[in-house]
All heavy atoms as atom14 arrays in JSON, in Angstrom:
{
  "sequence": "VRFYLKQITSGLQYLHLQGIIHRDLKLSNVFITERMQAKIGDLGLAT",
  "atom14_mask": [
    [1, 1, 1, 1, 1, 1, 1, 0, 0, 0, 0, 0, 0, 0],
    [1, 1, 1, 1, 1, 1, 1, 1, 1, 1, 1, 0, 0, 0],
    [1, 1, 1, 1, 1, 1, 1, 1, 1, 1, 1, 0, 0, 0],
    [1, 1, 1, 1, 1, 1, 1, 1, 1, 1, 1, 1, 0, 0],
    [1, 1, 1, 1, 1, 1, 1, 1, 0, 0, 0, 0, 0, 0],
    [1, 1, 1, 1, 1, 1, 1, 1, 1, 0, 0, 0, 0, 0],
    [1, 1, 1, 1, 1, 1, 1, 1, 1, 0, 0, 0, 0, 0],
    [1, 1, 1, 1, 1, 1, 1, 1, 0, 0, 0, 0, 0, 0],
    [1, 1, 1, 1, 1, 1, 1, 0, 0, 0, 0, 0, 0, 0],
    [1, 1, 1, 1, 1, 1, 0, 0, 0, 0, 0, 0, 0, 0],
    [1, 1, 1, 1, 0, 0, 0, 0, 0, 0, 0, 0, 0, 0],
    [1, 1, 1, 1, 1, 1, 1, 1, 0, 0, 0, 0, 0, 0],
    [1, 1, 1, 1, 1, 1, 1, 1, 1, 0, 0, 0, 0, 0],
    [1, 1, 1, 1, 1, 1, 1, 1, 1, 1, 1, 1, 0, 0],
    [1, 1, 1, 1, 1, 1, 1, 1, 0, 0, 0, 0, 0, 0],
    [1, 1, 1, 1, 1, 1, 1, 1, 1, 1, 0, 0, 0, 0],
    [1, 1, 1, 1, 1, 1, 1, 1, 0, 0, 0, 0, 0, 0],
    [1, 1, 1, 1, 1, 1, 1, 1, 1, 0, 0, 0, 0, 0],
    [1, 1, 1, 1, 0, 0, 0, 0, 0, 0, 0, 0, 0, 0],
    [1, 1, 1, 1, 1, 1, 1, 1, 0, 0, 0, 0, 0, 0],
    [1, 1, 1, 1, 1, 1, 1, 1, 0, 0, 0, 0, 0, 0],
    [1, 1, 1, 1, 1, 1, 1, 1, 1, 1, 0, 0, 0, 0],
    [1, 1, 1, 1, 1, 1, 1, 1, 1, 1, 1, 0, 0, 0],
    [1, 1, 1, 1, 1, 1, 1, 1, 0, 0, 0, 0, 0, 0],
    [1, 1, 1, 1, 1, 1, 1, 1, 0, 0, 0, 0, 0, 0],
    [1, 1, 1, 1, 1, 1, 1, 1, 1, 0, 0, 0, 0, 0],
    [1, 1, 1, 1, 1, 1, 1, 1, 0, 0, 0, 0, 0, 0],
    [1, 1, 1, 1, 1, 1, 0, 0, 0, 0, 0, 0, 0, 0],
    [1, 1, 1, 1, 1, 1, 1, 1, 0, 0, 0, 0, 0, 0],
    [1, 1, 1, 1, 1, 1, 1, 0, 0, 0, 0, 0, 0, 0],
    [1, 1, 1, 1, 1, 1, 1, 1, 1, 1, 1, 0, 0, 0],
    [1, 1, 1, 1, 1, 1, 1, 1, 0, 0, 0, 0, 0, 0],
    [1, 1, 1, 1, 1, 1, 1, 0, 0, 0, 0, 0, 0, 0],
    [1, 1, 1, 1, 1, 1, 1, 1, 1, 0, 0, 0, 0, 0],
    [1, 1, 1, 1, 1, 1, 1, 1, 1, 1, 1, 0, 0, 0],
    [1, 1, 1, 1, 1, 1, 1, 1, 0, 0, 0, 0, 0, 0],
    [1, 1, 1, 1, 1, 1, 1, 1, 1, 0, 0, 0, 0, 0],
    [1, 1, 1, 1, 1, 0, 0, 0, 0, 0, 0, 0, 0, 0],
    [1, 1, 1, 1, 1, 1, 1, 1, 1, 0, 0, 0, 0, 0],
    [1, 1, 1, 1, 1, 1, 1, 1, 0, 0, 0, 0, 0, 0],
    [1, 1, 1, 1, 0, 0, 0, 0, 0, 0, 0, 0, 0, 0],
    [1, 1, 1, 1, 1, 1, 1, 1, 0, 0, 0, 0, 0, 0],
    [1, 1, 1, 1, 1, 1, 1, 1, 0, 0, 0, 0, 0, 0],
    [1, 1, 1, 1, 0, 0, 0, 0, 0, 0, 0, 0, 0, 0],
    [1, 1, 1, 1, 1, 1, 1, 1, 0, 0, 0, 0, 0, 0],
    [1, 1, 1, 1, 1, 0, 0, 0, 0, 0, 0, 0, 0, 0],
    [1, 1, 1, 1, 1, 1, 1, 0, 0, 0, 0, 0, 0, 0]
  ],
  "atom14_positions": [
    [[-8.61, -18.31, 9.52], [-8.73, -17.66, 10.79], [-7.78, -18.39, 11.81], [-7.05, -17.77, 12.57], [-10.11, -17.46, 11.29], [-10.14, -16.89, 12.75], [-10.88, -16.46, 10.37], [0.0, 0.0, 0.0], [0.0, 0.0, 0.0], [0.0, 0.0, 0.0], [0.0, 0.0, 0.0], [0.0, 0.0, 0.0], [0.0, 0.0, 0.0], [0.0, 0.0, 0.0]],
    [[-8.0, -19.74, 11.87], [-7.2, -20.53, 12.79], [-5.72, -20.4, 12.48], [-4.92, -20.26, 13.41], [-7.61, -22.03, 12.68], [-8.88, -22.37, 13.55], [-9.0, -23.84, 13.69], [-9.04, -24.66, 12.46], [-10.12, -24.86, 11.77], [-11.29, -24.46, 12.2], [-10.06, -25.56, 10.69], [0.0, 0.0, 0.0], [0.0, 0.0, 0.0], [0.0, 0.0, 0.0]],
    [[-5.38, -20.44, 11.24], [-3.96, -20.39, 10.76], [-3.33, -19.05, 11.24], [-2.28, -19.06, 11.81], [-4.0, -20.46, 9.19], [-2.56, -20.3, 8.62], [-1.68, -21.31, 8.66], [-2.27, -19.11, 8.05], [-0.4, -21.2, 8.06], [-0.97, -18.96, 7.44], [-0.11, -19.98, 7.49], [0.0, 0.0, 0.0], [0.0, 0.0, 0.0], [0.0, 0.0, 0.0]],
    [[-4.02, -17.94, 11.05], [-3.46, -16.62, 11.45], [-3.51, -16.38, 12.97], [-2.58, -15.9, 13.51], [-4.22, -15.48, 10.76], [-3.94, -15.4, 9.24], [-5.01, -15.4, 8.28], [-2.71, -15.43, 8.7], [-4.75, -15.35, 6.94], [-2.44, -15.37, 7.4], [-3.54, -15.32, 6.44], [-3.2, -15.29, 5.12], [0.0, 0.0, 0.0], [0.0, 0.0, 0.0]],
    [[-4.6, -16.85, 13.54], [-4.76, -16.62, 14.99], [-3.75, -17.33, 15.81], [-3.23, -16.83, 16.81], [-6.17, -17.06, 15.45], [-6.66, -16.57, 16.79], [-6.48, -15.03, 16.92], [-8.09, -16.99, 17.05], [0.0, 0.0, 0.0], [0.0, 0.0, 0.0], [0.0, 0.0, 0.0], [0.0, 0.0, 0.0], [0.0, 0.0, 0.0], [0.0, 0.0, 0.0]],
    [[-3.32, -18.54, 15.33], [-2.3, -19.33, 16.04], [-1.01, -18.56, 16.02], [-0.24, -18.44, 17.03], [-2.09, -20.7, 15.35], [-1.13, -21.59, 16.01], [-1.07, -22.94, 15.37], [0.01, -23.79, 15.99], [0.12, -25.18, 15.3], [0.0, 0.0, 0.0], [0.0, 0.0, 0.0], [0.0, 0.0, 0.0], [0.0, 0.0, 0.0], [0.0, 0.0, 0.0]],
    [[-0.66, -17.93, 14.84], [0.59, -17.12, 14.74], [0.49, -15.78, 15.59], [1.49, -15.46, 16.23], [0.83, -16.85, 13.28], [1.13, -18.13, 12.44], [1.3, -17.78, 11.0], [2.28, -17.1, 10.67], [0.36, -18.19, 10.17], [0.0, 0.0, 0.0], [0.0, 0.0, 0.0], [0.0, 0.0, 0.0], [0.0, 0.0, 0.0], [0.0, 0.0, 0.0]],
    [[-0.65, -15.2, 15.54], [-0.81, -13.91, 16.27], [-0.71, -14.23, 17.83], [-0.04, -13.47, 18.57], [-2.21, -13.28, 15.97], [-2.24, -12.83, 14.53], [-2.53, -12.15, 16.92], [-3.64, -12.47, 13.99], [0.0, 0.0, 0.0], [0.0, 0.0, 0.0], [0.0, 0.0, 0.0], [0.0, 0.0, 0.0], [0.0, 0.0, 0.0], [0.0, 0.0, 0.0]],
    [[-1.34, -15.3, 18.23], [-1.21, -15.74, 19.62], [0.2, -16.01, 20.0], [0.68, -15.6, 21.11], [-2.15, -16.94, 19.94], [-3.44, -16.62, 19.57], [-2.06, -17.4, 21.33], [0.0, 0.0, 0.0], [0.0, 0.0, 0.0], [0.0, 0.0, 0.0], [0.0, 0.0, 0.0], [0.0, 0.0, 0.0], [0.0, 0.0, 0.0], [0.0, 0.0, 0.0]],
    [[0.93, -16.63, 19.15], [2.4, -16.97, 19.42], [3.19, -15.68, 19.58], [4.0, -15.48, 20.46], [2.91, -17.78, 18.3], [4.36, -18.02, 18.5], [0.0, 0.0, 0.0], [0.0, 0.0, 0.0], [0.0, 0.0, 0.0], [0.0, 0.0, 0.0], [0.0, 0.0, 0.0], [0.0, 0.0, 0.0], [0.0, 0.0, 0.0], [0.0, 0.0, 0.0]],
    [[2.96, -14.69, 18.71], [3.6, -13.4, 18.71], [3.21, -12.6, 20.08], [4.06, -12.04, 20.76], [0.0, 0.0, 0.0], [0.0, 0.0, 0.0], [0.0, 0.0, 0.0], [0.0, 0.0, 0.0], [0.0, 0.0, 0.0], [0.0, 0.0, 0.0], [0.0, 0.0, 0.0], [0.0, 0.0, 0.0], [0.0, 0.0, 0.0], [0.0, 0.0, 0.0]],
    [[1.93, -12.63, 20.4], [1.51, -11.96, 21.64], [2.03, -12.59, 22.87], [2.5, -11.9, 23.77], [-0.02, -11.97, 21.74], [-0.74, -10.99, 20.9], [-2.28, -11.18, 20.9], [-0.37, -9.54, 21.26], [0.0, 0.0, 0.0], [0.0, 0.0, 0.0], [0.0, 0.0, 0.0], [0.0, 0.0, 0.0], [0.0, 0.0, 0.0], [0.0, 0.0, 0.0]],
    [[2.15, -13.96, 22.93], [2.76, -14.64, 24.05], [4.16, -14.2, 24.2], [4.62, -13.93, 25.31], [2.62, -16.16, 23.89], [1.23, -16.68, 24.15], [1.13, -18.17, 23.82], [1.84, -18.71, 23.03], [0.29, -18.83, 24.59], [0.0, 0.0, 0.0], [0.0, 0.0, 0.0], [0.0, 0.0, 0.0], [0.0, 0.0, 0.0], [0.0, 0.0, 0.0]],
    [[4.92, -14.11, 23.08], [6.26, -13.65, 23.08], [6.37, -12.25, 23.71], [7.2, -11.97, 24.57], [6.92, -13.73, 21.75], [8.31, -13.15, 21.68], [9.36, -13.81, 22.19], [8.48, -11.95, 21.1], [10.69, -13.29, 22.16], [9.72, -11.35, 21.06], [10.84, -12.04, 21.62], [12.12, -11.48, 21.52], [0.0, 0.0, 0.0], [0.0, 0.0, 0.0]],
    [[5.59, -11.37, 23.15], [5.62, -9.99, 23.64], [5.34, -9.9, 25.13], [6.06, -9.21, 25.85], [4.56, -9.09, 22.99], [4.83, -8.72, 21.48], [3.66, -7.97, 20.88], [6.07, -7.89, 21.38], [0.0, 0.0, 0.0], [0.0, 0.0, 0.0], [0.0, 0.0, 0.0], [0.0, 0.0, 0.0], [0.0, 0.0, 0.0], [0.0, 0.0, 0.0]],
    [[4.33, -10.62, 25.6], [4.02, -10.66, 26.99], [5.08, -11.22, 27.92], [5.33, -10.75, 29.03], [2.64, -11.27, 27.3], [1.52, -10.37, 26.71], [0.2, -10.68, 26.91], [1.56, -9.31, 25.93], [-0.52, -9.86, 26.32], [0.24, -8.91, 25.75], [0.0, 0.0, 0.0], [0.0, 0.0, 0.0], [0.0, 0.0, 0.0], [0.0, 0.0, 0.0]],
    [[5.76, -12.27, 27.37], [6.9, -12.82, 28.1], [8.05, -11.79, 28.24], [8.86, -11.84, 29.18], [7.43, -14.09, 27.43], [6.55, -15.29, 27.6], [7.04, -16.45, 26.77], [6.53, -15.79, 29.09], [0.0, 0.0, 0.0], [0.0, 0.0, 0.0], [0.0, 0.0, 0.0], [0.0, 0.0, 0.0], [0.0, 0.0, 0.0], [0.0, 0.0, 0.0]],
    [[8.11, -10.94, 27.25], [9.08, -9.83, 27.32], [8.71, -8.67, 28.14], [9.39, -7.67, 28.27], [9.49, -9.38, 25.83], [9.94, -10.42, 24.9], [11.16, -11.16, 25.42], [12.09, -10.53, 25.87], [11.05, -12.49, 25.49], [0.0, 0.0, 0.0], [0.0, 0.0, 0.0], [0.0, 0.0, 0.0], [0.0, 0.0, 0.0], [0.0, 0.0, 0.0]],
    [[7.43, -8.78, 28.69], [6.91, -7.65, 29.43], [6.38, -6.4, 28.6], [6.31, -5.3, 29.12], [0.0, 0.0, 0.0], [0.0, 0.0, 0.0], [0.0, 0.0, 0.0], [0.0, 0.0, 0.0], [0.0, 0.0, 0.0], [0.0, 0.0, 0.0], [0.0, 0.0, 0.0], [0.0, 0.0, 0.0], [0.0, 0.0, 0.0], [0.0, 0.0, 0.0]],
    [[6.03, -6.77, 27.36], [5.59, -5.68, 26.47], [4.09, -5.78, 26.13], [3.6, -6.89, 25.87], [6.38, -5.68, 25.21], [7.88, -5.38, 25.47], [5.87, -4.72, 24.11], [8.79, -5.59, 24.34], [0.0, 0.0, 0.0], [0.0, 0.0, 0.0], [0.0, 0.0, 0.0], [0.0, 0.0, 0.0], [0.0, 0.0, 0.0], [0.0, 0.0, 0.0]],
    [[3.44, -4.69, 26.24], [1.97, -4.6, 25.89], [1.88, -3.82, 24.65], [2.36, -2.69, 24.55], [1.21, -3.97, 26.98], [1.36, -4.7, 28.34], [-0.34, -3.86, 26.66], [0.83, -3.93, 29.55], [0.0, 0.0, 0.0], [0.0, 0.0, 0.0], [0.0, 0.0, 0.0], [0.0, 0.0, 0.0], [0.0, 0.0, 0.0], [0.0, 0.0, 0.0]],
    [[1.29, -4.34, 23.57], [1.23, -3.73, 22.26], [0.4, -2.51, 22.26], [0.77, -1.49, 21.73], [0.69, -4.73, 21.18], [0.88, -4.29, 19.83], [-0.03, -3.42, 19.23], [1.76, -4.59, 18.85], [0.39, -3.18, 17.99], [1.41, -3.81, 17.71], [0.0, 0.0, 0.0], [0.0, 0.0, 0.0], [0.0, 0.0, 0.0], [0.0, 0.0, 0.0]],
    [[-0.8, -2.56, 22.77], [-1.77, -1.44, 22.88], [-2.4, -0.95, 21.6], [-3.08, 0.05, 21.64], [-1.18, -0.29, 23.71], [-0.77, -0.63, 25.12], [-0.56, 0.48, 25.99], [0.29, 1.56, 25.52], [0.68, 2.62, 26.2], [0.24, 2.77, 27.45], [1.47, 3.5, 25.69], [0.0, 0.0, 0.0], [0.0, 0.0, 0.0], [0.0, 0.0, 0.0]],
    [[-2.09, -1.55, 20.46], [-2.66, -1.18, 19.21], [-2.86, -2.31, 18.28], [-2.66, -2.14, 17.09], [-1.87, -0.02, 18.55], [-2.51, 0.71, 17.49], [-3.85, 0.76, 17.48], [-1.89, 1.35, 16.59], [0.0, 0.0, 0.0], [0.0, 0.0, 0.0], [0.0, 0.0, 0.0], [0.0, 0.0, 0.0], [0.0, 0.0, 0.0], [0.0, 0.0, 0.0]],
    [[-3.22, -3.41, 18.87], [-3.45, -4.63, 18.01], [-4.72, -4.55, 17.26], [-5.79, -4.42, 17.74], [-3.41, -5.86, 18.97], [-3.2, -7.21, 18.17], [-1.96, -7.29, 17.46], [-3.33, -8.36, 19.16], [0.0, 0.0, 0.0], [0.0, 0.0, 0.0], [0.0, 0.0, 0.0], [0.0, 0.0, 0.0], [0.0, 0.0, 0.0], [0.0, 0.0, 0.0]],
    [[-4.53, -4.66, 15.94], [-5.69, -4.61, 14.97], [-5.28, -5.24, 13.74], [-4.02, -5.44, 13.49], [-6.2, -3.16, 14.78], [-5.11, -2.19, 14.23], [-5.62, -0.79, 14.34], [-4.45, 0.18, 13.98], [-4.9, 1.56, 14.18], [0.0, 0.0, 0.0], [0.0, 0.0, 0.0], [0.0, 0.0, 0.0], [0.0, 0.0, 0.0], [0.0, 0.0, 0.0]],
    [[-6.21, -5.5, 12.83], [-5.88, -6.22, 11.64], [-4.82, -5.45, 10.76], [-3.99, -6.14, 10.1], [-7.15, -6.47, 10.7], [-8.16, -7.47, 11.37], [-9.37, -7.51, 10.43], [-7.56, -8.8, 11.63], [0.0, 0.0, 0.0], [0.0, 0.0, 0.0], [0.0, 0.0, 0.0], [0.0, 0.0, 0.0], [0.0, 0.0, 0.0], [0.0, 0.0, 0.0]],
    [[-4.82, -4.14, 10.75], [-3.88, -3.4, 9.99], [-2.46, -3.38, 10.64], [-1.53, -3.04, 9.92], [-4.33, -1.91, 9.72], [-4.52, -1.32, 10.99], [0.0, 0.0, 0.0], [0.0, 0.0, 0.0], [0.0, 0.0, 0.0], [0.0, 0.0, 0.0], [0.0, 0.0, 0.0], [0.0, 0.0, 0.0], [0.0, 0.0, 0.0], [0.0, 0.0, 0.0]],
    [[-2.32, -3.89, 11.8], [-0.98, -4.05, 12.41], [-0.53, -5.51, 12.4], [0.45, -5.85, 13.13], [-1.02, -3.42, 13.77], [-0.99, -1.91, 13.72], [-0.65, -1.32, 12.69], [-1.32, -1.28, 14.78], [0.0, 0.0, 0.0], [0.0, 0.0, 0.0], [0.0, 0.0, 0.0], [0.0, 0.0, 0.0], [0.0, 0.0, 0.0], [0.0, 0.0, 0.0]],
    [[-1.22, -6.39, 11.74], [-0.75, -7.74, 11.55], [-0.43, -7.92, 10.12], [-1.24, -7.86, 9.19], [-1.86, -8.75, 11.98], [-1.32, -10.24, 11.61], [-2.16, -8.6, 13.4], [0.0, 0.0, 0.0], [0.0, 0.0, 0.0], [0.0, 0.0, 0.0], [0.0, 0.0, 0.0], [0.0, 0.0, 0.0], [0.0, 0.0, 0.0], [0.0, 0.0, 0.0]],
    [[0.91, -8.1, 9.83], [1.44, -8.12, 8.42], [1.69, -9.55, 8.0], [1.93, -10.34, 8.84], [2.66, -7.25, 8.35], [2.45, -5.77, 8.75], [2.65, -5.38, 10.15], [1.91, -4.9, 7.86], [2.36, -4.07, 10.47], [1.63, -3.61, 8.32], [1.82, -3.14, 9.58], [0.0, 0.0, 0.0], [0.0, 0.0, 0.0], [0.0, 0.0, 0.0]],
    [[1.62, -9.74, 6.73], [1.74, -11.05, 6.13], [2.93, -11.05, 5.19], [3.03, -10.26, 4.27], [0.51, -11.45, 5.37], [-0.75, -11.25, 6.3], [0.62, -12.91, 4.9], [-0.79, -12.11, 7.55], [0.0, 0.0, 0.0], [0.0, 0.0, 0.0], [0.0, 0.0, 0.0], [0.0, 0.0, 0.0], [0.0, 0.0, 0.0], [0.0, 0.0, 0.0]],
    [[3.84, -12.06, 5.34], [5.01, -12.19, 4.52], [4.62, -12.9, 3.22], [3.56, -13.48, 3.09], [6.15, -12.96, 5.23], [5.71, -14.36, 5.41], [6.51, -12.37, 6.56], [0.0, 0.0, 0.0], [0.0, 0.0, 0.0], [0.0, 0.0, 0.0], [0.0, 0.0, 0.0], [0.0, 0.0, 0.0], [0.0, 0.0, 0.0], [0.0, 0.0, 0.0]],
    [[5.62, -13.01, 2.31], [5.4, -13.77, 1.08], [5.03, -15.21, 1.33], [4.33, -15.79, 0.62], [6.78, -13.72, 0.25], [6.69, -14.37, -1.09], [5.73, -13.62, -2.02], [5.49, -12.39, -1.96], [5.16, -14.31, -2.92], [0.0, 0.0, 0.0], [0.0, 0.0, 0.0], [0.0, 0.0, 0.0], [0.0, 0.0, 0.0], [0.0, 0.0, 0.0]],
    [[5.52, -15.77, 2.46], [5.24, -17.18, 2.77], [4.02, -17.32, 3.68], [3.84, -18.35, 4.34], [6.43, -17.83, 3.47], [7.62, -17.92, 2.53], [8.73, -18.62, 3.17], [9.82, -18.83, 2.24], [10.99, -19.36, 2.51], [11.26, -19.73, 3.73], [11.88, -19.52, 1.56], [0.0, 0.0, 0.0], [0.0, 0.0, 0.0], [0.0, 0.0, 0.0]],
    [[3.25, -16.24, 3.74], [1.91, -16.25, 4.46], [2.12, -16.34, 5.98], [1.25, -16.8, 6.75], [0.99, -17.34, 3.96], [0.66, -17.26, 2.48], [0.01, -15.64, 1.94], [-1.55, -15.62, 2.73], [0.0, 0.0, 0.0], [0.0, 0.0, 0.0], [0.0, 0.0, 0.0], [0.0, 0.0, 0.0], [0.0, 0.0, 0.0], [0.0, 0.0, 0.0]],
    [[3.26, -15.87, 6.45], [3.53, -15.86, 7.88], [3.02, -14.56, 8.5], [3.29, -13.51, 7.93], [5.01, -15.99, 8.13], [5.36, -16.17, 9.6], [6.84, -16.53, 9.83], [7.69, -16.18, 8.98], [7.13, -17.27, 10.87], [0.0, 0.0, 0.0], [0.0, 0.0, 0.0], [0.0, 0.0, 0.0], [0.0, 0.0, 0.0], [0.0, 0.0, 0.0]],
    [[2.2, -14.62, 9.55], [1.64, -13.43, 10.15], [2.64, -12.89, 11.17], [3.31, -13.63, 11.89], [0.38, -13.81, 10.94], [0.0, 0.0, 0.0], [0.0, 0.0, 0.0], [0.0, 0.0, 0.0], [0.0, 0.0, 0.0], [0.0, 0.0, 0.0], [0.0, 0.0, 0.0], [0.0, 0.0, 0.0], [0.0, 0.0, 0.0], [0.0, 0.0, 0.0]],
    [[2.85, -11.51, 11.13], [3.81, -10.91, 11.98], [3.17, -9.59, 12.57], [2.65, -8.77, 11.85], [5.01, -10.47, 11.24], [5.78, -11.69, 10.72], [7.13, -11.32, 10.16], [7.92, -12.63, 9.82], [9.01, -12.87, 10.63], [0.0, 0.0, 0.0], [0.0, 0.0, 0.0], [0.0, 0.0, 0.0], [0.0, 0.0, 0.0], [0.0, 0.0, 0.0]],
    [[3.26, -9.46, 13.91], [2.78, -8.26, 14.62], [3.73, -7.16, 14.42], [4.89, -7.35, 14.56], [2.5, -8.61, 16.05], [1.47, -9.72, 16.25], [2.12, -7.32, 16.82], [1.37, -10.24, 17.62], [0.0, 0.0, 0.0], [0.0, 0.0, 0.0], [0.0, 0.0, 0.0], [0.0, 0.0, 0.0], [0.0, 0.0, 0.0], [0.0, 0.0, 0.0]],
    [[3.23, -5.99, 14.03], [4.13, -4.83, 13.82], [3.51, -3.58, 14.42], [2.52, -3.6, 15.09], [0.0, 0.0, 0.0], [0.0, 0.0, 0.0], [0.0, 0.0, 0.0], [0.0, 0.0, 0.0], [0.0, 0.0, 0.0], [0.0, 0.0, 0.0], [0.0, 0.0, 0.0], [0.0, 0.0, 0.0], [0.0, 0.0, 0.0], [0.0, 0.0, 0.0]],
    [[4.13, -2.41, 14.06], [3.76, -1.12, 14.58], [3.69, -1.09, 15.99], [2.62, -1.07, 16.68], [2.47, -0.58, 13.96], [2.33, 0.92, 14.2], [3.16, 1.53, 14.87], [1.37, 1.47, 13.59], [0.0, 0.0, 0.0], [0.0, 0.0, 0.0], [0.0, 0.0, 0.0], [0.0, 0.0, 0.0], [0.0, 0.0, 0.0], [0.0, 0.0, 0.0]],
    [[4.89, -0.99, 16.65], [4.98, -0.95, 18.13], [5.07, 0.46, 18.64], [5.56, 0.79, 19.72], [6.12, -1.76, 18.63], [5.84, -3.24, 18.49], [6.78, -3.9, 17.57], [5.85, -3.87, 19.76], [0.0, 0.0, 0.0], [0.0, 0.0, 0.0], [0.0, 0.0, 0.0], [0.0, 0.0, 0.0], [0.0, 0.0, 0.0], [0.0, 0.0, 0.0]],
    [[4.5, 1.39, 17.84], [4.56, 2.84, 18.23], [3.83, 3.18, 19.54], [4.25, 4.09, 20.2], [0.0, 0.0, 0.0], [0.0, 0.0, 0.0], [0.0, 0.0, 0.0], [0.0, 0.0, 0.0], [0.0, 0.0, 0.0], [0.0, 0.0, 0.0], [0.0, 0.0, 0.0], [0.0, 0.0, 0.0], [0.0, 0.0, 0.0], [0.0, 0.0, 0.0]],
    [[2.86, 2.44, 19.91], [2.09, 2.7, 21.14], [2.47, 1.62, 22.21], [1.85, 1.7, 23.34], [0.61, 2.68, 20.91], [0.09, 3.73, 20.03], [-1.41, 3.64, 19.78], [0.38, 5.13, 20.53], [0.0, 0.0, 0.0], [0.0, 0.0, 0.0], [0.0, 0.0, 0.0], [0.0, 0.0, 0.0], [0.0, 0.0, 0.0], [0.0, 0.0, 0.0]],
    [[3.33, 0.73, 21.99], [3.72, -0.3, 22.88], [4.44, 0.28, 24.16], [5.0, 1.34, 24.1], [4.61, -1.34, 22.3], [0.0, 0.0, 0.0], [0.0, 0.0, 0.0], [0.0, 0.0, 0.0], [0.0, 0.0, 0.0], [0.0, 0.0, 0.0], [0.0, 0.0, 0.0], [0.0, 0.0, 0.0], [0.0, 0.0, 0.0], [0.0, 0.0, 0.0]],
    [[4.23, -0.48, 25.19], [4.91, -0.05, 26.48], [5.39, -1.21, 27.22], [4.95, -2.37, 26.99], [3.94, 0.81, 27.4], [4.69, 1.34, 28.46], [2.79, -0.01, 27.84], [0.0, 0.0, 0.0], [0.0, 0.0, 0.0], [0.0, 0.0, 0.0], [0.0, 0.0, 0.0], [0.0, 0.0, 0.0], [0.0, 0.0, 0.0], [0.0, 0.0, 0.0]]
  ]
}
């Protein structure tokens, strides 16, 4: 949980610095790469 949460927080901080609100953050919109890197996706509801 700590491992993934740190990465999710980093992605959210970046989005907020860009002035973007995701609006649909949930476990099914956090994707994991082959190297176990967490990535926020599905920006269909973002503004």
